[in-house]
Amino acid sequence: MDTGSKLTGVPLESWIGAVIALAILALVFAMIIRQYWNWYQKRKAHVRKPTLFDVRELLTKGEKVRAIKVYREIFNVDQREAQIAVDALEKNLRP
């Protein structure tokens, strides 16, 4: 029985060792990625999502452009619809 590779002349035991080392490295890498993913999900869960009250607060501070961006994020509408809605909100805020 031939234990060496005819192409490279490297014994089969060396190839097996290399494959085992790569498998261990892949497992360690997968564990690191999983830990990072869990950390990221926990961090993401603590971020508060904006509300219409945030849009109103931005308008009272005079930050209309940011208010439009936040409105678009909340309601997933295009620029024109957000502009119209924020303008209406702004009219209702002013006495």
N, C-alpha and C. Protein backbone atom coordinates (compact mmCIF):
# COMPACT_ATOMS: atom_id res chain seq x y z
N MET A 1 0.84 -1.19 0.00
CA MET A 1 0.00 0.00 0.00
C MET A 1 0.89 1.24 0.00
N ASP A 2 0.61 2.15 -0.90
CA ASP A 2 1.41 3.38 -1.05
C ASP A 2 0.80 4.47 -0.17
N THR A 3 1.59 5.01 0.78
CA THR A 3 1.07 6.04 1.69
C THR A 3 1.43 7.44 1.24
N GLY A 4 2.08 7.61 0.12
CA GLY A 4 2.48 8.93 -0.36
C GLY A 4 1.72 9.32 -1.61
N SER A 5 1.68 10.59 -1.88
CA SER A 5 1.05 11.09 -3.07
C SER A 5 2.06 11.08 -4.21
N LYS A 6 1.65 10.56 -5.34
CA LYS A 6 2.58 10.49 -6.48
C LYS A 6 2.79 11.88 -7.09
N LEU A 7 1.85 12.78 -6.89
CA LEU A 7 1.98 14.11 -7.49
C LEU A 7 2.93 15.01 -6.71
N THR A 8 2.84 14.97 -5.39
CA THR A 8 3.64 15.90 -4.59
C THR A 8 4.75 15.23 -3.80
N GLY A 9 4.65 13.95 -3.59
CA GLY A 9 5.63 13.25 -2.79
C GLY A 9 5.46 13.47 -1.30
N VAL A 10 4.35 14.09 -0.89
CA VAL A 10 4.07 14.36 0.52
C VAL A 10 3.30 13.17 1.07
N PRO A 11 3.70 12.66 2.24
CA PRO A 11 3.00 11.51 2.82
C PRO A 11 1.54 11.85 3.13
N LEU A 12 0.72 10.84 3.06
CA LEU A 12 -0.72 11.00 3.30
C LEU A 12 -0.99 11.52 4.71
N GLU A 13 -0.19 11.13 5.68
CA GLU A 13 -0.38 11.59 7.06
C GLU A 13 -0.27 13.11 7.16
N SER A 14 0.61 13.71 6.38
CA SER A 14 0.75 15.17 6.39
C SER A 14 -0.50 15.84 5.84
N TRP A 15 -1.10 15.27 4.80
CA TRP A 15 -2.33 15.83 4.24
C TRP A 15 -3.47 15.73 5.25
N ILE A 16 -3.54 14.60 5.93
CA ILE A 16 -4.60 14.42 6.93
C ILE A 16 -4.43 15.45 8.05
N GLY A 17 -3.21 15.66 8.49
CA GLY A 17 -2.95 16.65 9.53
C GLY A 17 -3.34 18.06 9.09
N ALA A 18 -3.05 18.37 7.83
CA ALA A 18 -3.40 19.70 7.31
C ALA A 18 -4.91 19.88 7.23
N VAL A 19 -5.60 18.84 6.81
CA VAL A 19 -7.07 18.91 6.70
C VAL A 19 -7.68 19.07 8.09
N ILE A 20 -7.16 18.35 9.07
CA ILE A 20 -7.68 18.46 10.44
C ILE A 20 -7.41 19.86 10.99
N ALA A 21 -6.23 20.40 10.72
CA ALA A 21 -5.91 21.76 11.18
C ALA A 21 -6.84 22.79 10.55
N LEU A 22 -7.14 22.64 9.26
CA LEU A 22 -8.06 23.56 8.59
C LEU A 22 -9.48 23.43 9.14
N ALA A 23 -9.89 22.21 9.46
CA ALA A 23 -11.22 22.01 10.03
C ALA A 23 -11.33 22.67 11.40
N ILE A 24 -10.30 22.54 12.21
CA ILE A 24 -10.30 23.19 13.53
C ILE A 24 -10.32 24.71 13.38
N LEU A 25 -9.55 25.22 12.46
CA LEU A 25 -9.52 26.66 12.20
C LEU A 25 -10.89 27.16 11.74
N ALA A 26 -11.56 26.39 10.89
CA ALA A 26 -12.90 26.77 10.43
C ALA A 26 -13.89 26.79 11.59
N LEU A 27 -13.80 25.81 12.48
CA LEU A 27 -14.69 25.78 13.64
C LEU A 27 -14.47 26.97 14.56
N VAL A 28 -13.22 27.30 14.81
CA VAL A 28 -12.91 28.46 15.65
C VAL A 28 -13.43 29.74 15.01
N PHE A 29 -13.23 29.87 13.72
CA PHE A 29 -13.73 31.05 13.00
C PHE A 29 -15.25 31.13 13.09
N ALA A 30 -15.94 29.99 12.94
CA ALA A 30 -17.40 29.97 13.03
C ALA A 30 -17.86 30.38 14.42
N MET A 31 -17.14 29.95 15.45
CA MET A 31 -17.50 30.32 16.82
C MET A 31 -17.33 31.82 17.05
N ILE A 32 -16.26 32.39 16.50
CA ILE A 32 -16.02 33.83 16.64
C ILE A 32 -17.13 34.62 15.93
N ILE A 33 -17.49 34.20 14.73
CA ILE A 33 -18.55 34.87 13.98
C ILE A 33 -19.87 34.78 14.73
N ARG A 34 -20.15 33.63 15.31
CA ARG A 34 -21.41 33.47 16.06
C ARG A 34 -21.45 34.38 17.27
N GLN A 35 -20.33 34.49 18.00
CA GLN A 35 -20.28 35.39 19.15
C GLN A 35 -20.51 36.83 18.73
N TYR A 36 -19.88 37.24 17.63
CA TYR A 36 -20.07 38.60 17.13
C TYR A 36 -21.52 38.83 16.74
N TRP A 37 -22.13 37.85 16.08
CA TRP A 37 -23.51 37.99 15.63
C TRP A 37 -24.44 38.15 16.83
N ASN A 38 -24.23 37.36 17.87
CA ASN A 38 -25.05 37.48 19.08
C ASN A 38 -24.88 38.85 19.71
N TRP A 39 -23.66 39.36 19.79
CA TRP A 39 -23.41 40.68 20.34
C TRP A 39 -24.10 41.75 19.50
N TYR A 40 -24.01 41.62 18.18
CA TYR A 40 -24.61 42.60 17.28
C TYR A 40 -26.13 42.61 17.43
N GLN A 41 -26.74 41.45 17.54
CA GLN A 41 -28.19 41.38 17.68
C GLN A 41 -28.66 42.02 19.00
N LYS A 42 -27.90 41.77 20.07
CA LYS A 42 -28.26 42.38 21.35
C LYS A 42 -28.12 43.90 21.29
N ARG A 43 -27.05 44.36 20.66
CA ARG A 43 -26.82 45.80 20.53
C ARG A 43 -27.91 46.44 19.68
N LYS A 44 -28.29 45.76 18.61
CA LYS A 44 -29.30 46.28 17.71
C LYS A 44 -30.66 46.34 18.40
N ALA A 45 -30.94 45.41 19.30
CA ALA A 45 -32.23 45.37 19.99
C ALA A 45 -32.39 46.55 20.94
N HIS A 46 -31.29 47.12 21.43
CA HIS A 46 -31.36 48.22 22.38
C HIS A 46 -31.54 49.58 21.71
N VAL A 47 -31.43 49.63 20.40
CA VAL A 47 -31.58 50.89 19.69
C VAL A 47 -33.08 51.18 19.54
N ARG A 48 -33.49 52.33 19.99
CA ARG A 48 -34.90 52.71 19.93
C ARG A 48 -35.26 53.15 18.52
N LYS A 49 -36.37 52.67 18.03
CA LYS A 49 -36.82 53.07 16.70
C LYS A 49 -37.52 54.43 16.79
N PRO A 50 -37.32 55.26 15.78
CA PRO A 50 -37.94 56.59 15.83
C PRO A 50 -39.46 56.52 15.71
N THR A 51 -40.11 57.52 16.28
CA THR A 51 -41.57 57.61 16.24
C THR A 51 -41.97 58.97 15.69
N LEU A 52 -43.27 59.14 15.56
CA LEU A 52 -43.80 60.42 15.08
C LEU A 52 -43.50 61.54 16.07
N PHE A 53 -43.34 61.20 17.35
CA PHE A 53 -42.97 62.20 18.34
C PHE A 53 -41.57 62.75 18.05
N ASP A 54 -40.68 61.88 17.54
CA ASP A 54 -39.34 62.34 17.17
C ASP A 54 -39.41 63.32 16.00
N VAL A 55 -40.31 63.04 15.05
CA VAL A 55 -40.49 63.97 13.92
C VAL A 55 -40.97 65.32 14.44
N ARG A 56 -41.92 65.27 15.35
CA ARG A 56 -42.46 66.52 15.92
C ARG A 56 -41.38 67.29 16.67
N GLU A 57 -40.56 66.56 17.44
CA GLU A 57 -39.48 67.21 18.19
C GLU A 57 -38.47 67.87 17.25
N LEU A 58 -38.14 67.18 16.16
CA LEU A 58 -37.21 67.75 15.18
C LEU A 58 -37.79 69.01 14.56
N LEU A 59 -39.08 68.99 14.28
CA LEU A 59 -39.72 70.18 13.70
C LEU A 59 -39.69 71.35 14.67
N THR A 60 -39.91 71.08 15.94
CA THR A 60 -39.88 72.19 16.92
C THR A 60 -38.48 72.76 17.06
N LYS A 61 -37.46 71.94 16.80
CA LYS A 61 -36.08 72.41 16.85
C LYS A 61 -35.65 73.07 15.55
N GLY A 62 -36.52 73.03 14.54
CA GLY A 62 -36.20 73.65 13.26
C GLY A 62 -35.39 72.76 12.32
N GLU A 63 -35.35 71.47 12.57
CA GLU A 63 -34.59 70.54 11.74
C GLU A 63 -35.54 69.79 10.80
N LYS A 64 -36.04 70.52 9.84
CA LYS A 64 -37.06 69.97 8.94
C LYS A 64 -36.52 68.87 8.05
N VAL A 65 -35.29 69.02 7.56
CA VAL A 65 -34.71 68.01 6.66
C VAL A 65 -34.57 66.67 7.40
N ARG A 66 -34.07 66.73 8.62
CA ARG A 66 -33.94 65.50 9.41
C ARG A 66 -35.31 64.93 9.74
N ALA A 67 -36.29 65.79 9.97
CA ALA A 67 -37.64 65.32 10.26
C ALA A 67 -38.21 64.55 9.06
N ILE A 68 -37.93 65.03 7.87
CA ILE A 68 -38.40 64.33 6.67
C ILE A 68 -37.72 62.97 6.54
N LYS A 69 -36.43 62.92 6.82
CA LYS A 69 -35.71 61.64 6.75
C LYS A 69 -36.26 60.64 7.76
N VAL A 70 -36.52 61.10 8.97
CA VAL A 70 -37.06 60.22 10.00
C VAL A 70 -38.47 59.76 9.61
N TYR A 71 -39.29 60.66 9.08
CA TYR A 71 -40.63 60.31 8.64
C TYR A 71 -40.57 59.23 7.57
N ARG A 72 -39.64 59.38 6.63
CA ARG A 72 -39.48 58.38 5.57
C ARG A 72 -39.09 57.03 6.15
N GLU A 73 -38.22 57.06 7.16
CA GLU A 73 -37.79 55.81 7.80
C GLU A 73 -38.95 55.13 8.53
N ILE A 74 -39.78 55.92 9.19
CA ILE A 74 -40.89 55.36 9.96
C ILE A 74 -41.94 54.74 9.05
N PHE A 75 -42.37 55.50 8.05
CA PHE A 75 -43.51 55.09 7.25
C PHE A 75 -43.14 54.48 5.89
N ASN A 76 -41.87 54.45 5.56
CA ASN A 76 -41.39 53.84 4.32
C ASN A 76 -42.11 54.45 3.10
N VAL A 77 -42.05 55.76 3.01
CA VAL A 77 -42.67 56.48 1.90
C VAL A 77 -41.59 57.20 1.11
N ASP A 78 -41.97 57.72 -0.06
CA ASP A 78 -40.99 58.43 -0.87
C ASP A 78 -40.82 59.86 -0.37
N GLN A 79 -39.89 60.55 -0.97
CA GLN A 79 -39.53 61.91 -0.54
C GLN A 79 -40.71 62.87 -0.62
N ARG A 80 -41.47 62.79 -1.69
CA ARG A 80 -42.58 63.74 -1.90
C ARG A 80 -43.67 63.55 -0.84
N GLU A 81 -44.04 62.30 -0.59
CA GLU A 81 -45.08 62.04 0.42
C GLU A 81 -44.61 62.49 1.81
N ALA A 82 -43.35 62.23 2.11
CA ALA A 82 -42.83 62.64 3.41
C ALA A 82 -42.81 64.16 3.53
N GLN A 83 -42.45 64.83 2.46
CA GLN A 83 -42.42 66.30 2.46
C GLN A 83 -43.82 66.87 2.72
N ILE A 84 -44.82 66.32 2.06
CA ILE A 84 -46.20 66.79 2.23
C ILE A 84 -46.66 66.55 3.67
N ALA A 85 -46.39 65.36 4.20
CA ALA A 85 -46.84 65.02 5.55
C ALA A 85 -46.13 65.88 6.60
N VAL A 86 -44.83 66.10 6.43
CA VAL A 86 -44.09 66.91 7.40
C VAL A 86 -44.53 68.36 7.32
N ASP A 87 -44.82 68.84 6.12
CA ASP A 87 -45.36 70.20 6.00
C ASP A 87 -46.68 70.35 6.74
N ALA A 88 -47.53 69.35 6.63
CA ALA A 88 -48.83 69.38 7.33
C ALA A 88 -48.61 69.33 8.85
N LEU A 89 -47.69 68.50 9.30
CA LEU A 89 -47.38 68.46 10.72
C LEU A 89 -46.84 69.80 11.22
N GLU A 90 -46.00 70.41 10.40
CA GLU A 90 -45.41 71.68 10.78
C GLU A 90 -46.48 72.77 10.89
N LYS A 91 -47.47 72.76 10.00
CA LYS A 91 -48.55 73.75 10.08
C LYS A 91 -49.36 73.56 11.34
N ASN A 92 -49.55 72.29 11.75
CA ASN A 92 -50.34 72.02 12.96
C ASN A 92 -49.58 72.40 14.23
N LEU A 93 -48.26 72.41 14.17
CA LEU A 93 -47.48 72.75 15.35
C LEU A 93 -47.47 74.24 15.65
N ARG A 94 -47.49 75.04 14.61
CA ARG A 94 -47.40 76.49 14.79
C ARG A 94 -48.77 77.06 15.14
N PRO A 95 -48.82 77.95 16.12
CA PRO A 95 -50.12 78.55 16.54
C PRO A 95 -50.65 79.54 15.52
